[in-house]
Protein backbone atom coordinates (compact mmCIF):
# COMPACT_ATOMS: atom_id res chain seq x y z
CA UNK A 1 0.00 0.00 0.00
CA UNK A 2 1.24 3.50 -0.81
CA UNK A 3 2.60 5.22 2.36
CA UNK A 4 1.16 8.63 1.39
CA UNK A 5 -2.29 7.11 1.00
CA UNK A 6 -1.97 5.31 4.33
CA UNK A 7 -0.87 8.51 6.10
CA UNK A 8 -3.78 10.44 4.58
CA UNK A 9 -6.24 7.70 5.57
CA UNK A 10 -4.94 7.68 9.16
CA UNK A 11 -5.17 11.48 9.40
CA UNK A 12 -8.78 11.50 8.17
CA UNK A 13 -9.66 8.61 10.50
CA UNK A 14 -8.00 10.25 13.51
CA UNK A 15 -9.64 13.61 12.88
CA UNK A 16 -13.08 12.00 12.63
CA UNK A 17 -12.58 10.09 15.88
CA UNK A 18 -10.80 12.74 17.94
CA UNK A 19 -12.53 15.79 16.42
CA UNK A 20 -9.42 17.76 15.53
CA UNK A 21 -10.16 21.48 15.34
CA UNK A 22 -9.98 23.09 11.93
CA UNK A 23 -8.05 26.30 11.41
CA UNK A 24 -9.56 29.34 9.77
CA UNK A 25 -7.65 31.17 7.06
CA UNK A 26 -8.10 34.92 7.03
CA UNK A 27 -6.41 37.89 5.48
CA UNK A 28 -4.52 40.12 7.83
CA UNK A 29 -5.46 43.70 8.62
CA UNK A 30 -2.41 45.97 8.37
CA UNK A 31 -2.09 49.55 9.61
CA UNK A 32 -2.01 51.94 6.65
CA UNK A 33 -0.56 55.42 6.35
CA UNK A 34 -3.28 57.95 5.59
CA UNK A 35 -1.27 59.12 2.56
CA UNK A 36 -1.63 55.64 1.01
CA UNK A 37 -5.45 55.68 1.19
CA UNK A 38 -7.07 56.42 -2.19
CA UNK A 39 -8.49 59.96 -2.31
CA UNK A 40 -11.95 58.71 -3.32
CA UNK A 41 -12.17 56.71 -0.07
CA UNK A 42 -11.02 59.60 2.12
CA UNK A 43 -13.53 61.93 0.45
CA UNK A 44 -16.45 59.54 0.98
CA UNK A 45 -15.43 58.91 4.60
CA UNK A 46 -15.20 62.67 5.26
CA UNK A 47 -18.65 63.21 3.69
CA UNK A 48 -20.21 60.42 5.76
CA UNK A 49 -18.56 61.29 9.07
CA UNK A 50 -17.48 64.97 8.93
CA UNK A 51 -17.27 65.45 12.71
CA UNK A 52 -15.72 62.07 13.60
CA UNK A 53 -12.36 61.70 15.29
CA UNK A 54 -10.11 59.55 13.13
CA UNK A 55 -8.39 56.72 15.05
CA UNK A 56 -6.58 55.00 12.19
CA UNK A 57 -6.61 53.49 8.71
CA UNK A 58 -6.02 49.83 7.80
CA UNK A 59 -5.47 47.90 4.59
CA UNK A 60 -7.59 44.79 4.84
CA UNK A 61 -9.52 42.10 3.02
CA UNK A 62 -13.23 41.33 2.88
CA UNK A 63 -12.78 37.90 4.52
CA UNK A 64 -11.16 39.55 7.53
CA UNK A 65 -14.17 41.82 7.90
CA UNK A 66 -16.86 39.21 7.28
CA UNK A 67 -15.38 36.75 9.76
CA UNK A 68 -15.16 39.36 12.52
CA UNK A 69 -11.42 39.26 13.10
CA UNK A 70 -10.60 42.69 14.41
CA UNK A 71 -8.80 44.21 17.35
CA UNK A 72 -10.27 41.74 19.90
CA UNK A 73 -13.72 43.24 19.35
CA UNK A 74 -15.48 39.85 19.20
CA UNK A 75 -13.33 37.58 21.38
CA UNK A 76 -16.04 37.56 24.05
CA UNK A 77 -18.60 36.41 21.51
CA UNK A 78 -16.75 33.69 19.68
CA UNK A 79 -14.16 32.50 22.20
CA UNK A 80 -10.71 31.28 21.21
CA UNK A 81 -10.35 30.50 17.50
CA UNK A 82 -7.43 29.02 15.61
CA UNK A 83 -6.41 31.40 12.86
CA UNK A 84 -3.96 31.04 10.00
CA UNK A 85 -3.06 34.50 8.76
CA UNK A 86 -1.95 35.21 5.21
CA UNK A 87 -1.01 38.48 3.59
CA UNK A 88 -1.57 39.94 0.15
CA UNK A 89 0.56 42.03 -2.17
CA UNK A 90 -1.90 44.80 -2.94
CA UNK A 91 -4.78 45.75 -0.63
CA UNK A 92 -8.23 45.99 -2.18
CA UNK A 93 -10.19 47.12 0.90
CA UNK A 94 -9.60 49.78 3.51
CA UNK A 95 -11.00 49.98 7.00
CA UNK A 96 -11.13 53.13 9.07
CA UNK A 97 -11.59 53.27 12.85
CA UNK A 98 -13.13 56.42 14.26
CA UNK A 99 -15.18 57.83 17.10
CA UNK A 100 -18.27 59.85 16.36
CA UNK A 101 -19.76 60.04 19.87
CA UNK A 102 -18.13 59.70 23.31
CA UNK A 103 -17.83 56.09 24.43
CA UNK A 104 -18.42 54.64 20.96
CA UNK A 105 -15.92 53.15 18.53
CA UNK A 106 -16.81 52.71 14.86
CA UNK A 107 -15.24 50.82 11.96
CA UNK A 108 -16.18 51.40 8.32
CA UNK A 109 -15.13 49.31 5.30
CA UNK A 110 -14.58 50.61 1.74
CA UNK A 111 -13.24 48.97 -1.40
CA UNK A 112 -10.49 50.62 -3.47
CA UNK A 113 -13.10 52.37 -5.65
CA UNK A 114 -14.75 54.04 -2.66
CA UNK A 115 -17.77 51.75 -2.34
CA UNK A 116 -18.90 51.76 1.30
CA UNK A 117 -19.84 48.28 2.50
CA UNK A 118 -20.71 48.72 6.13
CA UNK A 119 -20.07 50.57 9.37
CA UNK A 120 -20.01 48.76 12.71
CA UNK A 121 -20.25 50.77 15.92
CA UNK A 122 -19.80 49.49 19.45
CA UNK A 123 -22.64 50.88 21.53
CA UNK A 124 -23.46 50.93 25.24
CA UNK A 125 -27.17 50.10 25.06
CA UNK A 126 -29.88 48.81 22.75
CA UNK A 127 -32.86 50.85 21.48
CA UNK A 128 -35.99 50.67 23.62
CA UNK A 129 -37.92 48.93 20.81
CA UNK A 130 -35.45 46.01 20.91
CA UNK A 131 -35.56 45.76 24.71
CA UNK A 132 -39.37 45.72 24.61
CA UNK A 133 -39.41 43.10 21.85
CA UNK A 134 -37.03 40.85 23.81
CA UNK A 135 -39.39 40.97 26.82
CA UNK A 136 -42.03 39.26 24.65
CA UNK A 137 -39.77 36.34 23.66
CA UNK A 138 -38.13 33.37 25.34
CA UNK A 139 -35.03 35.59 25.68
CA UNK A 140 -36.62 37.89 28.25
CA UNK A 141 -34.51 36.50 31.10
CA UNK A 142 -31.33 35.79 29.12
CA UNK A 143 -28.14 37.73 29.88
CA UNK A 144 -27.22 40.36 27.25
CA UNK A 145 -23.53 40.90 26.50
CA UNK A 146 -21.69 44.10 27.31
CA UNK A 147 -20.49 44.19 23.68
CA UNK A 148 -23.28 45.40 21.43
CA UNK A 149 -23.04 46.92 17.99
CA UNK A 150 -25.02 48.90 15.49
CA UNK A 151 -24.60 47.91 11.83
CA UNK A 152 -25.24 50.37 9.01
CA UNK A 153 -25.01 49.48 5.33
CA UNK A 154 -26.30 50.75 2.00
CA UNK A 155 -27.74 47.24 1.53
CA UNK A 156 -30.16 47.62 4.49
CA UNK A 157 -32.93 50.20 4.74
CA UNK A 158 -32.70 50.34 8.59
CA UNK A 159 -30.03 50.03 11.24
CA UNK A 160 -29.34 46.50 12.50
CA UNK A 161 -28.22 45.75 16.05
CA UNK A 162 -26.11 42.74 16.93
CA UNK A 163 -25.58 41.41 20.45
CA UNK A 164 -24.88 38.20 22.31
CA UNK A 165 -27.35 36.55 24.71
CA UNK A 166 -26.79 33.59 27.01
CA UNK A 167 -28.57 31.49 29.59
CA UNK A 168 -26.74 28.68 31.31
CA UNK A 169 -24.79 26.82 28.63
CA UNK A 170 -26.89 28.19 25.78
CA UNK A 171 -25.42 31.11 23.88
CA UNK A 172 -26.54 32.94 20.74
CA UNK A 173 -25.70 35.98 18.67
CA UNK A 174 -28.81 37.91 17.66
CA UNK A 175 -29.48 40.52 15.01
CA UNK A 176 -32.55 42.72 15.30
CA UNK A 177 -33.60 45.83 13.43
CA UNK A 178 -34.17 49.16 15.16
CA UNK A 179 -37.88 48.39 15.47
CA UNK A 180 -37.28 45.16 17.39
CA UNK A 181 -37.87 42.72 14.53
CA UNK A 182 -35.70 39.60 14.71
CA UNK A 183 -33.39 39.30 11.69
CA UNK A 184 -31.06 36.42 12.57
CA UNK A 185 -30.00 34.09 15.40
CA UNK A 186 -26.67 32.29 15.38
CA UNK A 187 -25.90 29.51 17.86
CA UNK A 188 -22.52 29.84 19.58
CA UNK A 189 -20.73 26.93 21.21
CA UNK A 190 -19.22 28.79 24.16
CA UNK A 191 -21.07 30.96 26.61
CA UNK A 192 -19.53 34.31 27.57
C-alpha atoms as a PDB file:
ATOM      1  CA  UNK A   1       0.000   0.000   0.000  1.00  0.00           C
ATOM      2  CA  UNK A   2       1.236   3.499  -0.805  1.00  0.00           C
ATOM      3  CA  UNK A   3       2.599   5.216   2.356  1.00  0.00           C
ATOM      4  CA  UNK A   4       1.161   8.632   1.394  1.00  0.00           C
ATOM      5  CA  UNK A   5      -2.293   7.113   0.998  1.00  0.00           C
ATOM      6  CA  UNK A   6      -1.972   5.311   4.331  1.00  0.00           C
ATOM      7  CA  UNK A   7      -0.867   8.511   6.099  1.00  0.00           C
ATOM      8  CA  UNK A   8      -3.784  10.443   4.579  1.00  0.00           C
ATOM      9  CA  UNK A   9      -6.241   7.701   5.575  1.00  0.00           C
ATOM     10  CA  UNK A  10      -4.940   7.685   9.164  1.00  0.00           C
ATOM     11  CA  UNK A  11      -5.166  11.483   9.401  1.00  0.00           C
ATOM     12  CA  UNK A  12      -8.781  11.495   8.175  1.00  0.00           C
ATOM     13  CA  UNK A  13      -9.659   8.613  10.495  1.00  0.00           C
ATOM     14  CA  UNK A  14      -7.999  10.253  13.513  1.00  0.00           C
ATOM     15  CA  UNK A  15      -9.645  13.610  12.878  1.00  0.00           C
ATOM     16  CA  UNK A  16     -13.076  12.002  12.629  1.00  0.00           C
ATOM     17  CA  UNK A  17     -12.579  10.094  15.883  1.00  0.00           C
ATOM     18  CA  UNK A  18     -10.805  12.743  17.940  1.00  0.00           C
ATOM     19  CA  UNK A  19     -12.531  15.794  16.425  1.00  0.00           C
ATOM     20  CA  UNK A  20      -9.417  17.756  15.531  1.00  0.00           C
ATOM     21  CA  UNK A  21     -10.162  21.475  15.343  1.00  0.00           C
ATOM     22  CA  UNK A  22      -9.979  23.089  11.933  1.00  0.00           C
ATOM     23  CA  UNK A  23      -8.049  26.296  11.405  1.00  0.00           C
ATOM     24  CA  UNK A  24      -9.557  29.342   9.772  1.00  0.00           C
ATOM     25  CA  UNK A  25      -7.652  31.172   7.062  1.00  0.00           C
ATOM     26  CA  UNK A  26      -8.103  34.921   7.030  1.00  0.00           C
ATOM     27  CA  UNK A  27      -6.412  37.887   5.482  1.00  0.00           C
ATOM     28  CA  UNK A  28      -4.522  40.120   7.832  1.00  0.00           C
ATOM     29  CA  UNK A  29      -5.458  43.697   8.616  1.00  0.00           C
ATOM     30  CA  UNK A  30      -2.414  45.968   8.368  1.00  0.00           C
ATOM     31  CA  UNK A  31      -2.088  49.549   9.608  1.00  0.00           C
ATOM     32  CA  UNK A  32      -2.007  51.944   6.651  1.00  0.00           C
ATOM     33  CA  UNK A  33      -0.559  55.415   6.350  1.00  0.00           C
ATOM     34  CA  UNK A  34      -3.278  57.954   5.591  1.00  0.00           C
ATOM     35  CA  UNK A  35      -1.266  59.118   2.560  1.00  0.00           C
ATOM     36  CA  UNK A  36      -1.633  55.641   1.013  1.00  0.00           C
ATOM     37  CA  UNK A  37      -5.451  55.683   1.189  1.00  0.00           C
ATOM     38  CA  UNK A  38      -7.071  56.423  -2.193  1.00  0.00           C
ATOM     39  CA  UNK A  39      -8.493  59.956  -2.306  1.00  0.00           C
ATOM     40  CA  UNK A  40     -11.954  58.713  -3.321  1.00  0.00           C
ATOM     41  CA  UNK A  41     -12.172  56.709  -0.067  1.00  0.00           C
ATOM     42  CA  UNK A  42     -11.020  59.598   2.117  1.00  0.00           C
ATOM     43  CA  UNK A  43     -13.525  61.929   0.448  1.00  0.00           C
ATOM     44  CA  UNK A  44     -16.448  59.544   0.981  1.00  0.00           C
ATOM     45  CA  UNK A  45     -15.428  58.905   4.601  1.00  0.00           C
ATOM     46  CA  UNK A  46     -15.200  62.673   5.258  1.00  0.00           C
ATOM     47  CA  UNK A  47     -18.652  63.211   3.689  1.00  0.00           C
ATOM     48  CA  UNK A  48     -20.212  60.424   5.761  1.00  0.00           C
ATOM     49  CA  UNK A  49     -18.556  61.285   9.073  1.00  0.00           C
ATOM     50  CA  UNK A  50     -17.482  64.974   8.935  1.00  0.00           C
ATOM     51  CA  UNK A  51     -17.267  65.453  12.714  1.00  0.00           C
ATOM     52  CA  UNK A  52     -15.723  62.068  13.601  1.00  0.00           C
ATOM     53  CA  UNK A  53     -12.355  61.701  15.290  1.00  0.00           C
ATOM     54  CA  UNK A  54     -10.108  59.554  13.126  1.00  0.00           C
ATOM     55  CA  UNK A  55      -8.394  56.724  15.049  1.00  0.00           C
ATOM     56  CA  UNK A  56      -6.576  55.003  12.187  1.00  0.00           C
ATOM     57  CA  UNK A  57      -6.614  53.487   8.709  1.00  0.00           C
ATOM     58  CA  UNK A  58      -6.021  49.827   7.799  1.00  0.00           C
ATOM     59  CA  UNK A  59      -5.472  47.904   4.588  1.00  0.00           C
ATOM     60  CA  UNK A  60      -7.589  44.785   4.842  1.00  0.00           C
ATOM     61  CA  UNK A  61      -9.518  42.098   3.021  1.00  0.00           C
ATOM     62  CA  UNK A  62     -13.229  41.329   2.881  1.00  0.00           C
ATOM     63  CA  UNK A  63     -12.784  37.897   4.521  1.00  0.00           C
ATOM     64  CA  UNK A  64     -11.163  39.550   7.525  1.00  0.00           C
ATOM     65  CA  UNK A  65     -14.166  41.822   7.897  1.00  0.00           C
ATOM     66  CA  UNK A  66     -16.861  39.213   7.282  1.00  0.00           C
ATOM     67  CA  UNK A  67     -15.376  36.747   9.763  1.00  0.00           C
ATOM     68  CA  UNK A  68     -15.159  39.355  12.519  1.00  0.00           C
ATOM     69  CA  UNK A  69     -11.419  39.261  13.102  1.00  0.00           C
ATOM     70  CA  UNK A  70     -10.603  42.693  14.407  1.00  0.00           C
ATOM     71  CA  UNK A  71      -8.796  44.209  17.349  1.00  0.00           C
ATOM     72  CA  UNK A  72     -10.267  41.740  19.895  1.00  0.00           C
ATOM     73  CA  UNK A  73     -13.724  43.241  19.353  1.00  0.00           C
ATOM     74  CA  UNK A  74     -15.475  39.853  19.201  1.00  0.00           C
ATOM     75  CA  UNK A  75     -13.334  37.580  21.381  1.00  0.00           C
ATOM     76  CA  UNK A  76     -16.036  37.557  24.052  1.00  0.00           C
ATOM     77  CA  UNK A  77     -18.600  36.413  21.505  1.00  0.00           C
ATOM     78  CA  UNK A  78     -16.746  33.688  19.684  1.00  0.00           C
ATOM     79  CA  UNK A  79     -14.159  32.500  22.203  1.00  0.00           C
ATOM     80  CA  UNK A  80     -10.713  31.283  21.211  1.00  0.00           C
ATOM     81  CA  UNK A  81     -10.350  30.505  17.503  1.00  0.00           C
ATOM     82  CA  UNK A  82      -7.431  29.018  15.614  1.00  0.00           C
ATOM     83  CA  UNK A  83      -6.412  31.399  12.859  1.00  0.00           C
ATOM     84  CA  UNK A  84      -3.960  31.035  10.002  1.00  0.00           C
ATOM     85  CA  UNK A  85      -3.060  34.496   8.755  1.00  0.00           C
ATOM     86  CA  UNK A  86      -1.955  35.209   5.210  1.00  0.00           C
ATOM     87  CA  UNK A  87      -1.008  38.481   3.593  1.00  0.00           C
ATOM     88  CA  UNK A  88      -1.568  39.944   0.149  1.00  0.00           C
ATOM     89  CA  UNK A  89       0.563  42.032  -2.174  1.00  0.00           C
ATOM     90  CA  UNK A  90      -1.904  44.798  -2.940  1.00  0.00           C
ATOM     91  CA  UNK A  91      -4.784  45.748  -0.634  1.00  0.00           C
ATOM     92  CA  UNK A  92      -8.232  45.993  -2.178  1.00  0.00           C
ATOM     93  CA  UNK A  93     -10.191  47.117   0.898  1.00  0.00           C
ATOM     94  CA  UNK A  94      -9.596  49.780   3.507  1.00  0.00           C
ATOM     95  CA  UNK A  95     -10.997  49.982   6.997  1.00  0.00           C
ATOM     96  CA  UNK A  96     -11.125  53.127   9.073  1.00  0.00           C
ATOM     97  CA  UNK A  97     -11.591  53.269  12.849  1.00  0.00           C
ATOM     98  CA  UNK A  98     -13.131  56.422  14.255  1.00  0.00           C
ATOM     99  CA  UNK A  99     -15.182  57.832  17.095  1.00  0.00           C
ATOM    100  CA  UNK A 100     -18.266  59.855  16.356  1.00  0.00           C
ATOM    101  CA  UNK A 101     -19.762  60.039  19.873  1.00  0.00           C
ATOM    102  CA  UNK A 102     -18.129  59.704  23.309  1.00  0.00           C
ATOM    103  CA  UNK A 103     -17.831  56.088  24.432  1.00  0.00           C
ATOM    104  CA  UNK A 104     -18.422  54.642  20.958  1.00  0.00           C
ATOM    105  CA  UNK A 105     -15.920  53.152  18.525  1.00  0.00           C
ATOM    106  CA  UNK A 106     -16.811  52.709  14.859  1.00  0.00           C
ATOM    107  CA  UNK A 107     -15.243  50.822  11.964  1.00  0.00           C
ATOM    108  CA  UNK A 108     -16.179  51.399   8.316  1.00  0.00           C
ATOM    109  CA  UNK A 109     -15.133  49.309   5.298  1.00  0.00           C
ATOM    110  CA  UNK A 110     -14.582  50.615   1.742  1.00  0.00           C
ATOM    111  CA  UNK A 111     -13.245  48.970  -1.400  1.00  0.00           C
ATOM    112  CA  UNK A 112     -10.490  50.619  -3.471  1.00  0.00           C
ATOM    113  CA  UNK A 113     -13.105  52.369  -5.646  1.00  0.00           C
ATOM    114  CA  UNK A 114     -14.754  54.038  -2.661  1.00  0.00           C
ATOM    115  CA  UNK A 115     -17.774  51.747  -2.342  1.00  0.00           C
ATOM    116  CA  UNK A 116     -18.901  51.763   1.302  1.00  0.00           C
ATOM    117  CA  UNK A 117     -19.836  48.279   2.495  1.00  0.00           C
ATOM    118  CA  UNK A 118     -20.714  48.722   6.125  1.00  0.00           C
ATOM    119  CA  UNK A 119     -20.072  50.566   9.372  1.00  0.00           C
ATOM    120  CA  UNK A 120     -20.012  48.765  12.710  1.00  0.00           C
ATOM    121  CA  UNK A 121     -20.252  50.775  15.915  1.00  0.00           C
ATOM    122  CA  UNK A 122     -19.796  49.486  19.454  1.00  0.00           C
ATOM    123  CA  UNK A 123     -22.637  50.882  21.525  1.00  0.00           C
ATOM    124  CA  UNK A 124     -23.462  50.927  25.241  1.00  0.00           C
ATOM    125  CA  UNK A 125     -27.172  50.097  25.061  1.00  0.00           C
ATOM    126  CA  UNK A 126     -29.880  48.811  22.749  1.00  0.00           C
ATOM    127  CA  UNK A 127     -32.860  50.845  21.481  1.00  0.00           C
ATOM    128  CA  UNK A 128     -35.994  50.674  23.624  1.00  0.00           C
ATOM    129  CA  UNK A 129     -37.923  48.925  20.814  1.00  0.00           C
ATOM    130  CA  UNK A 130     -35.448  46.011  20.908  1.00  0.00           C
ATOM    131  CA  UNK A 131     -35.563  45.755  24.708  1.00  0.00           C
ATOM    132  CA  UNK A 132     -39.371  45.724  24.613  1.00  0.00           C
ATOM    133  CA  UNK A 133     -39.409  43.097  21.849  1.00  0.00           C
ATOM    134  CA  UNK A 134     -37.026  40.854  23.812  1.00  0.00           C
ATOM    135  CA  UNK A 135     -39.390  40.968  26.822  1.00  0.00           C
ATOM    136  CA  UNK A 136     -42.031  39.261  24.652  1.00  0.00           C
ATOM    137  CA  UNK A 137     -39.767  36.343  23.664  1.00  0.00           C
ATOM    138  CA  UNK A 138     -38.125  33.368  25.335  1.00  0.00           C
ATOM    139  CA  UNK A 139     -35.025  35.586  25.677  1.00  0.00           C
ATOM    140  CA  UNK A 140     -36.622  37.892  28.253  1.00  0.00           C
ATOM    141  CA  UNK A 141     -34.509  36.505  31.102  1.00  0.00           C
ATOM    142  CA  UNK A 142     -31.328  35.794  29.119  1.00  0.00           C
ATOM    143  CA  UNK A 143     -28.137  37.730  29.882  1.00  0.00           C
ATOM    144  CA  UNK A 144     -27.221  40.361  27.255  1.00  0.00           C
ATOM    145  CA  UNK A 145     -23.527  40.904  26.504  1.00  0.00           C
ATOM    146  CA  UNK A 146     -21.687  44.101  27.311  1.00  0.00           C
ATOM    147  CA  UNK A 147     -20.495  44.189  23.682  1.00  0.00           C
ATOM    148  CA  UNK A 148     -23.276  45.397  21.430  1.00  0.00           C
ATOM    149  CA  UNK A 149     -23.039  46.922  17.992  1.00  0.00           C
ATOM    150  CA  UNK A 150     -25.022  48.902  15.486  1.00  0.00           C
ATOM    151  CA  UNK A 151     -24.596  47.910  11.828  1.00  0.00           C
ATOM    152  CA  UNK A 152     -25.239  50.366   9.011  1.00  0.00           C
ATOM    153  CA  UNK A 153     -25.005  49.479   5.329  1.00  0.00           C
ATOM    154  CA  UNK A 154     -26.298  50.751   1.998  1.00  0.00           C
ATOM    155  CA  UNK A 155     -27.743  47.245   1.533  1.00  0.00           C
ATOM    156  CA  UNK A 156     -30.161  47.620   4.488  1.00  0.00           C
ATOM    157  CA  UNK A 157     -32.933  50.202   4.744  1.00  0.00           C
ATOM    158  CA  UNK A 158     -32.703  50.339   8.587  1.00  0.00           C
ATOM    159  CA  UNK A 159     -30.026  50.030  11.238  1.00  0.00           C
ATOM    160  CA  UNK A 160     -29.337  46.504  12.500  1.00  0.00           C
ATOM    161  CA  UNK A 161     -28.224  45.749  16.051  1.00  0.00           C
ATOM    162  CA  UNK A 162     -26.108  42.736  16.931  1.00  0.00           C
ATOM    163  CA  UNK A 163     -25.580  41.408  20.451  1.00  0.00           C
ATOM    164  CA  UNK A 164     -24.880  38.198  22.312  1.00  0.00           C
ATOM    165  CA  UNK A 165     -27.352  36.551  24.706  1.00  0.00           C
ATOM    166  CA  UNK A 166     -26.795  33.594  27.007  1.00  0.00           C
ATOM    167  CA  UNK A 167     -28.573  31.492  29.585  1.00  0.00           C
ATOM    168  CA  UNK A 168     -26.745  28.683  31.314  1.00  0.00           C
ATOM    169  CA  UNK A 169     -24.788  26.821  28.635  1.00  0.00           C
ATOM    170  CA  UNK A 170     -26.886  28.192  25.778  1.00  0.00           C
ATOM    171  CA  UNK A 171     -25.421  31.110  23.882  1.00  0.00           C
ATOM    172  CA  UNK A 172     -26.545  32.938  20.739  1.00  0.00           C
ATOM    173  CA  UNK A 173     -25.695  35.982  18.669  1.00  0.00           C
ATOM    174  CA  UNK A 174     -28.810  37.911  17.663  1.00  0.00           C
ATOM    175  CA  UNK A 175     -29.484  40.521  15.009  1.00  0.00           C
ATOM    176  CA  UNK A 176     -32.549  42.724  15.304  1.00  0.00           C
ATOM    177  CA  UNK A 177     -33.603  45.828  13.425  1.00  0.00           C
ATOM    178  CA  UNK A 178     -34.165  49.159  15.155  1.00  0.00           C
ATOM    179  CA  UNK A 179     -37.885  48.387  15.467  1.00  0.00           C
ATOM    180  CA  UNK A 180     -37.279  45.162  17.390  1.00  0.00           C
ATOM    181  CA  UNK A 181     -37.866  42.721  14.531  1.00  0.00           C
ATOM    182  CA  UNK A 182     -35.701  39.604  14.708  1.00  0.00           C
ATOM    183  CA  UNK A 183     -33.392  39.299  11.690  1.00  0.00           C
ATOM    184  CA  UNK A 184     -31.059  36.420  12.572  1.00  0.00           C
ATOM    185  CA  UNK A 185     -30.001  34.093  15.399  1.00  0.00           C
ATOM    186  CA  UNK A 186     -26.669  32.292  15.379  1.00  0.00           C
ATOM    187  CA  UNK A 187     -25.904  29.506  17.861  1.00  0.00           C
ATOM    188  CA  UNK A 188     -22.516  29.841  19.579  1.00  0.00           C
ATOM    189  CA  UNK A 189     -20.729  26.928  21.210  1.00  0.00           C
ATOM    190  CA  UNK A 190     -19.222  28.788  24.158  1.00  0.00           C
ATOM    191  CA  UNK A 191     -21.073  30.959  26.612  1.00  0.00           C
ATOM    192  CA  UNK A 192     -19.529  34.315  27.575  1.00  0.00           C
END
